[in-house]
Amino acid sequence: MTEARLDVDRERMGQDLVKLVLTVVELLRQLMERQAIRRVDEGDLTDDQVDRVGSTLMMLEERMAELCEQHGLRLDDLNLNLGPLGSLLPRD
């Protein structure tokens, strides 16, 4: 009986895993941003809360850009094409 072997490029697999994790984080970041905007529009937040949320979201966006740069990715690289459904990460 012959054993089937799968030739795996560990470096490529690691890069793909980083890309997947960053894609999920970026999706969550965008969802949090939309939720914050909705709450601001509805008047659910105090001025102090609006400032804190805004600062936090800007820091998260900067950190995502840094992480992408560290791993040789662009934010656009994280956007998965879902075929007829369009892109996973809409860019406003």
PDB file of N, CA and C in Angstrom:
ATOM      1  N   MET A   1       0.845  -1.167   0.000  1.00  0.00           N
ATOM      2  CA  MET A   1       0.000   0.000   0.000  1.00  0.00           C
ATOM      3  C   MET A   1       0.894   1.235   0.000  1.00  0.00           C
ATOM      4  N   THR A   2       0.600   2.157  -0.870  1.00  0.00           N
ATOM      5  CA  THR A   2       1.399   3.377  -0.996  1.00  0.00           C
ATOM      6  C   THR A   2       0.786   4.488  -0.155  1.00  0.00           C
ATOM      7  N   GLU A   3       1.657   5.210   0.489  1.00  0.00           N
ATOM      8  CA  GLU A   3       1.209   6.325   1.318  1.00  0.00           C
ATOM      9  C   GLU A   3       1.182   7.593   0.461  1.00  0.00           C
ATOM     10  N   ALA A   4       0.051   8.258   0.439  1.00  0.00           N
ATOM     11  CA  ALA A   4      -0.062   9.501  -0.316  1.00  0.00           C
ATOM     12  C   ALA A   4       0.550  10.625   0.494  1.00  0.00           C
ATOM     13  N   ARG A   5       1.322  11.463  -0.175  1.00  0.00           N
ATOM     14  CA  ARG A   5       1.963  12.584   0.506  1.00  0.00           C
ATOM     15  C   ARG A   5       1.431  13.885  -0.062  1.00  0.00           C
ATOM     16  N   LEU A   6       1.259  14.798   0.805  1.00  0.00           N
ATOM     17  CA  LEU A   6       0.814  16.123   0.418  1.00  0.00           C
ATOM     18  C   LEU A   6       1.986  17.072   0.601  1.00  0.00           C
ATOM     19  N   ASP A   7       2.387  17.696  -0.478  1.00  0.00           N
ATOM     20  CA  ASP A   7       3.501  18.639  -0.416  1.00  0.00           C
ATOM     21  C   ASP A   7       2.959  19.992   0.029  1.00  0.00           C
ATOM     22  N   VAL A   8       3.315  20.392   1.237  1.00  0.00           N
ATOM     23  CA  VAL A   8       2.787  21.623   1.817  1.00  0.00           C
ATOM     24  C   VAL A   8       3.907  22.650   1.929  1.00  0.00           C
ATOM     25  N   ASP A   9       3.638  23.806   1.411  1.00  0.00           N
ATOM     26  CA  ASP A   9       4.566  24.929   1.551  1.00  0.00           C
ATOM     27  C   ASP A   9       4.222  25.624   2.865  1.00  0.00           C
ATOM     28  N   ARG A  10       5.008  25.351   3.887  1.00  0.00           N
ATOM     29  CA  ARG A  10       4.707  25.865   5.231  1.00  0.00           C
ATOM     30  C   ARG A  10       4.698  27.391   5.280  1.00  0.00           C
ATOM     31  N   GLU A  11       5.598  28.023   4.572  1.00  0.00           N
ATOM     32  CA  GLU A  11       5.633  29.488   4.575  1.00  0.00           C
ATOM     33  C   GLU A  11       4.366  30.060   3.950  1.00  0.00           C
ATOM     34  N   ARG A  12       3.958  29.487   2.840  1.00  0.00           N
ATOM     35  CA  ARG A  12       2.732  29.946   2.160  1.00  0.00           C
ATOM     36  C   ARG A  12       1.508  29.689   3.044  1.00  0.00           C
ATOM     37  N   MET A  13       1.494  28.530   3.693  1.00  0.00           N
ATOM     38  CA  MET A  13       0.376  28.189   4.567  1.00  0.00           C
ATOM     39  C   MET A  13       0.305  29.183   5.731  1.00  0.00           C
ATOM     40  N   GLY A  14       1.453  29.540   6.287  1.00  0.00           N
ATOM     41  CA  GLY A  14       1.494  30.519   7.366  1.00  0.00           C
ATOM     42  C   GLY A  14       0.998  31.874   6.909  1.00  0.00           C
ATOM     43  N   GLN A  15       1.407  32.294   5.711  1.00  0.00           N
ATOM     44  CA  GLN A  15       0.969  33.574   5.163  1.00  0.00           C
ATOM     45  C   GLN A  15      -0.541  33.565   4.918  1.00  0.00           C
ATOM     46  N   ASP A  16      -1.058  32.459   4.418  1.00  0.00           N
ATOM     47  CA  ASP A  16      -2.507  32.351   4.193  1.00  0.00           C
ATOM     48  C   ASP A  16      -3.281  32.416   5.509  1.00  0.00           C
ATOM     49  N   LEU A  17      -2.729  31.820   6.564  1.00  0.00           N
ATOM     50  CA  LEU A  17      -3.384  31.863   7.871  1.00  0.00           C
ATOM     51  C   LEU A  17      -3.400  33.290   8.419  1.00  0.00           C
ATOM     52  N   VAL A  18      -2.281  34.000   8.276  1.00  0.00           N
ATOM     53  CA  VAL A  18      -2.224  35.400   8.707  1.00  0.00           C
ATOM     54  C   VAL A  18      -3.268  36.215   7.940  1.00  0.00           C
ATOM     55  N   LYS A  19      -3.350  35.983   6.654  1.00  0.00           N
ATOM     56  CA  LYS A  19      -4.317  36.708   5.810  1.00  0.00           C
ATOM     57  C   LYS A  19      -5.747  36.429   6.273  1.00  0.00           C
ATOM     58  N   LEU A  20      -6.054  35.172   6.575  1.00  0.00           N
ATOM     59  CA  LEU A  20      -7.391  34.807   7.046  1.00  0.00           C
ATOM     60  C   LEU A  20      -7.718  35.487   8.380  1.00  0.00           C
ATOM     61  N   VAL A  21      -6.777  35.446   9.309  1.00  0.00           N
ATOM     62  CA  VAL A  21      -7.000  36.062  10.623  1.00  0.00           C
ATOM     63  C   VAL A  21      -7.202  37.563  10.472  1.00  0.00           C
ATOM     64  N   LEU A  22      -6.362  38.216   9.680  1.00  0.00           N
ATOM     65  CA  LEU A  22      -6.500  39.656   9.476  1.00  0.00           C
ATOM     66  C   LEU A  22      -7.807  39.995   8.761  1.00  0.00           C
ATOM     67  N   THR A  23      -8.255  39.128   7.873  1.00  0.00           N
ATOM     68  CA  THR A  23      -9.540  39.348   7.202  1.00  0.00           C
ATOM     69  C   THR A  23     -10.683  39.322   8.212  1.00  0.00           C
ATOM     70  N   VAL A  24     -10.666  38.361   9.103  1.00  0.00           N
ATOM     71  CA  VAL A  24     -11.714  38.270  10.135  1.00  0.00           C
ATOM     72  C   VAL A  24     -11.659  39.492  11.054  1.00  0.00           C
ATOM     73  N   VAL A  25     -10.467  39.902  11.454  1.00  0.00           N
ATOM     74  CA  VAL A  25     -10.320  41.076  12.320  1.00  0.00           C
ATOM     75  C   VAL A  25     -10.818  42.325  11.599  1.00  0.00           C
ATOM     76  N   GLU A  26     -10.483  42.485  10.329  1.00  0.00           N
ATOM     77  CA  GLU A  26     -10.940  43.658   9.574  1.00  0.00           C
ATOM     78  C   GLU A  26     -12.457  43.643   9.414  1.00  0.00           C
ATOM     79  N   LEU A  27     -13.038  42.488   9.187  1.00  0.00           N
ATOM     80  CA  LEU A  27     -14.490  42.390   9.098  1.00  0.00           C
ATOM     81  C   LEU A  27     -15.134  42.834  10.418  1.00  0.00           C
ATOM     82  N   LEU A  28     -14.614  42.360  11.528  1.00  0.00           N
ATOM     83  CA  LEU A  28     -15.145  42.756  12.836  1.00  0.00           C
ATOM     84  C   LEU A  28     -14.951  44.251  13.088  1.00  0.00           C
ATOM     85  N   ARG A  29     -13.807  44.783  12.690  1.00  0.00           N
ATOM     86  CA  ARG A  29     -13.547  46.212  12.861  1.00  0.00           C
ATOM     87  C   ARG A  29     -14.561  47.037  12.090  1.00  0.00           C
ATOM     88  N   GLN A  30     -14.841  46.637  10.849  1.00  0.00           N
ATOM     89  CA  GLN A  30     -15.811  47.368  10.036  1.00  0.00           C
ATOM     90  C   GLN A  30     -17.219  47.253  10.620  1.00  0.00           C
ATOM     91  N   LEU A  31     -17.568  46.083  11.131  1.00  0.00           N
ATOM     92  CA  LEU A  31     -18.883  45.924  11.762  1.00  0.00           C
ATOM     93  C   LEU A  31     -19.008  46.801  13.003  1.00  0.00           C
ATOM     94  N   MET A  32     -17.955  46.860  13.805  1.00  0.00           N
ATOM     95  CA  MET A  32     -17.963  47.725  14.996  1.00  0.00           C
ATOM     96  C   MET A  32     -18.097  49.193  14.591  1.00  0.00           C
ATOM     97  N   GLU A  33     -17.412  49.570  13.536  1.00  0.00           N
ATOM     98  CA  GLU A  33     -17.497  50.950  13.054  1.00  0.00           C
ATOM     99  C   GLU A  33     -18.916  51.296  12.618  1.00  0.00           C
ATOM    100  N   ARG A  34     -19.542  50.410  11.885  1.00  0.00           N
ATOM    101  CA  ARG A  34     -20.926  50.651  11.441  1.00  0.00           C
ATOM    102  C   ARG A  34     -21.890  50.744  12.627  1.00  0.00           C
ATOM    103  N   GLN A  35     -21.681  49.872  13.606  1.00  0.00           N
ATOM    104  CA  GLN A  35     -22.518  49.893  14.805  1.00  0.00           C
ATOM    105  C   GLN A  35     -22.336  51.212  15.557  1.00  0.00           C
ATOM    106  N   ALA A  36     -21.103  51.668  15.661  1.00  0.00           N
ATOM    107  CA  ALA A  36     -20.826  52.932  16.351  1.00  0.00           C
ATOM    108  C   ALA A  36     -21.482  54.097  15.613  1.00  0.00           C
ATOM    109  N   ILE A  37     -21.383  54.107  14.303  1.00  0.00           N
ATOM    110  CA  ILE A  37     -22.001  55.178  13.504  1.00  0.00           C
ATOM    111  C   ILE A  37     -23.511  55.168  13.700  1.00  0.00           C
ATOM    112  N   ARG A  38     -24.099  53.976  13.700  1.00  0.00           N
ATOM    113  CA  ARG A  38     -25.546  53.871  13.914  1.00  0.00           C
ATOM    114  C   ARG A  38     -25.934  54.439  15.276  1.00  0.00           C
ATOM    115  N   ARG A  39     -25.149  54.095  16.297  1.00  0.00           N
ATOM    116  CA  ARG A  39     -25.457  54.585  17.648  1.00  0.00           C
ATOM    117  C   ARG A  39     -25.267  56.097  17.759  1.00  0.00           C
ATOM    118  N   VAL A  40     -24.268  56.628  17.092  1.00  0.00           N
ATOM    119  CA  VAL A  40     -24.065  58.080  17.082  1.00  0.00           C
ATOM    120  C   VAL A  40     -25.242  58.752  16.395  1.00  0.00           C
ATOM    121  N   ASP A  41     -25.637  58.223  15.241  1.00  0.00           N
ATOM    122  CA  ASP A  41     -26.760  58.796  14.488  1.00  0.00           C
ATOM    123  C   ASP A  41     -28.059  58.773  15.294  1.00  0.00           C
ATOM    124  N   GLU A  42     -28.228  57.737  16.108  1.00  0.00           N
ATOM    125  CA  GLU A  42     -29.441  57.620  16.924  1.00  0.00           C
ATOM    126  C   GLU A  42     -29.353  58.417  18.222  1.00  0.00           C
ATOM    127  N   GLY A  43     -28.179  58.980  18.512  1.00  0.00           N
ATOM    128  CA  GLY A  43     -28.019  59.768  19.723  1.00  0.00           C
ATOM    129  C   GLY A  43     -27.876  58.939  20.983  1.00  0.00           C
ATOM    130  N   ASP A  44     -27.463  57.684  20.851  1.00  0.00           N
ATOM    131  CA  ASP A  44     -27.333  56.775  21.994  1.00  0.00           C
ATOM    132  C   ASP A  44     -26.072  57.008  22.824  1.00  0.00           C
ATOM    133  N   LEU A  45     -25.132  57.815  22.321  1.00  0.00           N
ATOM    134  CA  LEU A  45     -23.848  57.981  22.989  1.00  0.00           C
ATOM    135  C   LEU A  45     -23.657  59.422  23.468  1.00  0.00           C
ATOM    136  N   THR A  46     -22.968  59.545  24.587  1.00  0.00           N
ATOM    137  CA  THR A  46     -22.612  60.883  25.064  1.00  0.00           C
ATOM    138  C   THR A  46     -21.454  61.406  24.208  1.00  0.00           C
ATOM    139  N   ASP A  47     -21.175  62.692  24.327  1.00  0.00           N
ATOM    140  CA  ASP A  47     -20.060  63.275  23.574  1.00  0.00           C
ATOM    141  C   ASP A  47     -18.740  62.601  23.931  1.00  0.00           C
ATOM    142  N   ASP A  48     -18.553  62.296  25.211  1.00  0.00           N
ATOM    143  CA  ASP A  48     -17.332  61.617  25.650  1.00  0.00           C
ATOM    144  C   ASP A  48     -17.230  60.223  25.030  1.00  0.00           C
ATOM    145  N   GLN A  49     -18.343  59.501  24.993  1.00  0.00           N
ATOM    146  CA  GLN A  49     -18.347  58.165  24.391  1.00  0.00           C
ATOM    147  C   GLN A  49     -18.053  58.240  22.899  1.00  0.00           C
ATOM    148  N   VAL A  50     -18.593  59.244  22.225  1.00  0.00           N
ATOM    149  CA  VAL A  50     -18.342  59.424  20.791  1.00  0.00           C
ATOM    150  C   VAL A  50     -16.846  59.651  20.562  1.00  0.00           C
ATOM    151  N   ASP A  51     -16.232  60.501  21.386  1.00  0.00           N
ATOM    152  CA  ASP A  51     -14.794  60.758  21.261  1.00  0.00           C
ATOM    153  C   ASP A  51     -13.974  59.496  21.485  1.00  0.00           C
ATOM    154  N   ARG A  52     -14.318  58.730  22.524  1.00  0.00           N
ATOM    155  CA  ARG A  52     -13.572  57.505  22.825  1.00  0.00           C
ATOM    156  C   ARG A  52     -13.730  56.464  21.719  1.00  0.00           C
ATOM    157  N   VAL A  53     -14.957  56.301  21.229  1.00  0.00           N
ATOM    158  CA  VAL A  53     -15.199  55.329  20.148  1.00  0.00           C
ATOM    159  C   VAL A  53     -14.442  55.752  18.892  1.00  0.00           C
ATOM    160  N   GLY A  54     -14.507  57.029  18.582  1.00  0.00           N
ATOM    161  CA  GLY A  54     -13.800  57.528  17.399  1.00  0.00           C
ATOM    162  C   GLY A  54     -12.299  57.296  17.499  1.00  0.00           C
ATOM    163  N   SER A  55     -11.724  57.607  18.650  1.00  0.00           N
ATOM    164  CA  SER A  55     -10.278  57.402  18.850  1.00  0.00           C
ATOM    165  C   SER A  55      -9.916  55.926  18.760  1.00  0.00           C
ATOM    166  N   THR A  56     -10.726  55.091  19.380  1.00  0.00           N
ATOM    167  CA  THR A  56     -10.464  53.653  19.366  1.00  0.00           C
ATOM    168  C   THR A  56     -10.527  53.090  17.950  1.00  0.00           C
ATOM    169  N   LEU A  57     -11.531  53.494  17.193  1.00  0.00           N
ATOM    170  CA  LEU A  57     -11.662  52.995  15.820  1.00  0.00           C
ATOM    171  C   LEU A  57     -10.511  53.471  14.940  1.00  0.00           C
ATOM    172  N   MET A  58     -10.065  54.697  15.152  1.00  0.00           N
ATOM    173  CA  MET A  58      -8.914  55.186  14.375  1.00  0.00           C
ATOM    174  C   MET A  58      -7.647  54.405  14.732  1.00  0.00           C
ATOM    175  N   MET A  59      -7.454  54.108  16.027  1.00  0.00           N
ATOM    176  CA  MET A  59      -6.291  53.322  16.430  1.00  0.00           C
ATOM    177  C   MET A  59      -6.347  51.905  15.856  1.00  0.00           C
ATOM    178  N   LEU A  60      -7.535  51.313  15.859  1.00  0.00           N
ATOM    179  CA  LEU A  60      -7.688  49.972  15.286  1.00  0.00           C
ATOM    180  C   LEU A  60      -7.364  49.972  13.794  1.00  0.00           C
ATOM    181  N   GLU A  61      -7.827  50.986  13.085  1.00  0.00           N
ATOM    182  CA  GLU A  61      -7.555  51.075  11.653  1.00  0.00           C
ATOM    183  C   GLU A  61      -6.054  51.231  11.392  1.00  0.00           C
ATOM    184  N   GLU A  62      -5.396  52.065  12.195  1.00  0.00           N
ATOM    185  CA  GLU A  62      -3.946  52.237  12.060  1.00  0.00           C
ATOM    186  C   GLU A  62      -3.210  50.938  12.352  1.00  0.00           C
ATOM    187  N   ARG A  63      -3.636  50.243  13.391  1.00  0.00           N
ATOM    188  CA  ARG A  63      -2.986  48.978  13.764  1.00  0.00           C
ATOM    189  C   ARG A  63      -3.174  47.921  12.680  1.00  0.00           C
ATOM    190  N   MET A  64      -4.351  47.888  12.076  1.00  0.00           N
ATOM    191  CA  MET A  64      -4.580  46.945  10.979  1.00  0.00           C
ATOM    192  C   MET A  64      -3.638  47.243   9.816  1.00  0.00           C
ATOM    193  N   ALA A  65      -3.463  48.519   9.509  1.00  0.00           N
ATOM    194  CA  ALA A  65      -2.554  48.906   8.429  1.00  0.00           C
ATOM    195  C   ALA A  65      -1.121  48.476   8.768  1.00  0.00           C
ATOM    196  N   GLU A  66      -0.714  48.640  10.025  1.00  0.00           N
ATOM    197  CA  GLU A  66       0.617  48.218  10.461  1.00  0.00           C
ATOM    198  C   GLU A  66       0.788  46.710  10.327  1.00  0.00           C
ATOM    199  N   LEU A  67      -0.197  45.964  10.779  1.00  0.00           N
ATOM    200  CA  LEU A  67      -0.119  44.497  10.695  1.00  0.00           C
ATOM    201  C   LEU A  67      -0.054  44.033   9.247  1.00  0.00           C
ATOM    202  N   CYS A  68      -0.842  44.652   8.399  1.00  0.00           N
ATOM    203  CA  CYS A  68      -0.795  44.291   6.981  1.00  0.00           C
ATOM    204  C   CYS A  68       0.592  44.565   6.413  1.00  0.00           C
ATOM    205  N   GLU A  69       1.142  45.717   6.742  1.00  0.00           N
ATOM    206  CA  GLU A  69       2.476  46.068   6.240  1.00  0.00           C
ATOM    207  C   GLU A  69       3.529  45.083   6.739  1.00  0.00           C
ATOM    208  N   GLN A  70       3.443  44.705   8.010  1.00  0.00           N
ATOM    209  CA  GLN A  70       4.397  43.748   8.582  1.00  0.00           C
ATOM    210  C   GLN A  70       4.376  42.416   7.846  1.00  0.00           C
ATOM    211  N   HIS A  71       3.224  42.051   7.315  1.00  0.00           N
ATOM    212  CA  HIS A  71       3.083  40.750   6.659  1.00  0.00           C
ATOM    213  C   HIS A  71       3.023  40.860   5.140  1.00  0.00           C
ATOM    214  N   GLY A  72       3.372  42.034   4.628  1.00  0.00           N
ATOM    215  CA  GLY A  72       3.426  42.209   3.171  1.00  0.00           C
ATOM    216  C   GLY A  72       2.064  42.187   2.506  1.00  0.00           C
ATOM    217  N   LEU A  73       1.056  42.646   3.215  1.00  0.00           N
ATOM    218  CA  LEU A  73      -0.308  42.665   2.681  1.00  0.00           C
ATOM    219  C   LEU A  73      -0.815  44.095   2.596  1.00  0.00           C
ATOM    220  N   ARG A  74      -1.816  44.288   1.772  1.00  0.00           N
ATOM    221  CA  ARG A  74      -2.555  45.547   1.720  1.00  0.00           C
ATOM    222  C   ARG A  74      -3.950  45.243   2.244  1.00  0.00           C
ATOM    223  N   LEU A  75      -4.645  46.258   2.734  1.00  0.00           N
ATOM    224  CA  LEU A  75      -6.018  46.031   3.210  1.00  0.00           C
ATOM    225  C   LEU A  75      -6.876  45.431   2.098  1.00  0.00           C
ATOM    226  N   ASP A  76      -6.623  45.835   0.855  1.00  0.00           N
ATOM    227  CA  ASP A  76      -7.393  45.277  -0.264  1.00  0.00           C
ATOM    228  C   ASP A  76      -7.155  43.774  -0.440  1.00  0.00           C
ATOM    229  N   ASP A  77      -5.995  43.287  -0.018  1.00  0.00           N
ATOM    230  CA  ASP A  77      -5.697  41.850  -0.116  1.00  0.00           C
ATOM    231  C   ASP A  77      -6.600  41.021   0.795  1.00  0.00           C
ATOM    232  N   LEU A  78      -7.178  41.662   1.803  1.00  0.00           N
ATOM    233  CA  LEU A  78      -8.022  40.944   2.759  1.00  0.00           C
ATOM    234  C   LEU A  78      -9.448  40.785   2.269  1.00  0.00           C
ATOM    235  N   ASN A  79      -9.794  41.472   1.210  1.00  0.00           N
ATOM    236  CA  ASN A  79     -11.163  41.467   0.722  1.00  0.00           C
ATOM    237  C   ASN A  79     -11.405  40.242  -0.157  1.00  0.00           C
ATOM    238  N   LEU A  80     -12.187  39.318   0.346  1.00  0.00           N
ATOM    239  CA  LEU A  80     -12.477  38.084  -0.384  1.00  0.00           C
ATOM    240  C   LEU A  80     -13.598  38.303  -1.390  1.00  0.00           C
ATOM    241  N   ASN A  81     -13.432  37.734  -2.568  1.00  0.00           N
ATOM    242  CA  ASN A  81     -14.475  37.788  -3.588  1.00  0.00           C
ATOM    243  C   ASN A  81     -15.433  36.625  -3.335  1.00  0.00           C
ATOM    244  N   LEU A  82     -16.685  36.963  -3.066  1.00  0.00           N
ATOM    245  CA  LEU A  82     -17.688  35.942  -2.764  1.00  0.00           C
ATOM    246  C   LEU A  82     -18.541  35.603  -3.980  1.00  0.00           C
ATOM    247  N   GLY A  83     -17.978  35.823  -5.156  1.00  0.00           N
ATOM    248  CA  GLY A  83     -18.690  35.500  -6.394  1.00  0.00           C
ATOM    249  C   GLY A  83     -19.904  36.375  -6.580  1.00  0.00           C
ATOM    250  N   PRO A  84     -21.068  35.765  -6.818  1.00  0.00           N
ATOM    251  CA  PRO A  84     -22.266  36.553  -7.088  1.00  0.00           C
ATOM    252  C   PRO A  84     -22.695  37.441  -5.915  1.00  0.00           C
ATOM    253  N   LEU A  85     -22.203  37.154  -4.725  1.00  0.00           N
ATOM    254  CA  LEU A  85     -22.551  37.963  -3.562  1.00  0.00           C
ATOM    255  C   LEU A  85     -21.733  39.253  -3.488  1.00  0.00           C
ATOM    256  N   GLY A  86     -20.662  39.309  -4.246  1.00  0.00           N
ATOM    257  CA  GLY A  86     -19.805  40.494  -4.222  1.00  0.00           C
ATOM    258  C   GLY A  86     -18.627  40.301  -3.278  1.00  0.00           C
ATOM    259  N   SER A  87     -18.102  41.392  -2.794  1.00  0.00           N
ATOM    260  CA  SER A  87     -16.945  41.372  -1.909  1.00  0.00           C
ATOM    261  C   SER A  87     -17.361  41.213  -0.455  1.00  0.00           C
ATOM    262  N   LEU A  88     -16.486  40.578   0.327  1.00  0.00           N
ATOM    263  CA  LEU A  88     -16.748  40.412   1.751  1.00  0.00           C
ATOM    264  C   LEU A  88     -16.678  41.736   2.485  1.00  0.00           C
ATOM    265  N   LEU A  89     -15.663  42.529   2.175  1.00  0.00           N
ATOM    266  CA  LEU A  89     -15.418  43.780   2.893  1.00  0.00           C
ATOM    267  C   LEU A  89     -15.738  44.969   2.004  1.00  0.00           C
ATOM    268  N   PRO A  90     -16.891  45.538   2.172  1.00  0.00           N
ATOM    269  CA  PRO A  90     -17.201  46.720   1.363  1.00  0.00           C
ATOM    270  C   PRO A  90     -16.329  47.886   1.799  1.00  0.00           C
ATOM    271  N   ARG A  91     -15.829  48.612   0.846  1.00  0.00           N
ATOM    272  CA  ARG A  91     -15.033  49.809   1.128  1.00  0.00           C
ATOM    273  C   ARG A  91     -15.907  51.013   0.871  1.00  0.00           C
ATOM    274  N   ASP A  92     -16.060  51.835   1.902  1.00  0.00           N
ATOM    275  CA  ASP A  92     -16.920  53.018   1.783  1.00  0.00           C
ATOM    276  C   ASP A  92     -16.186  54.130   1.070  1.00  0.00           C
TER     277      ASP A  92
END
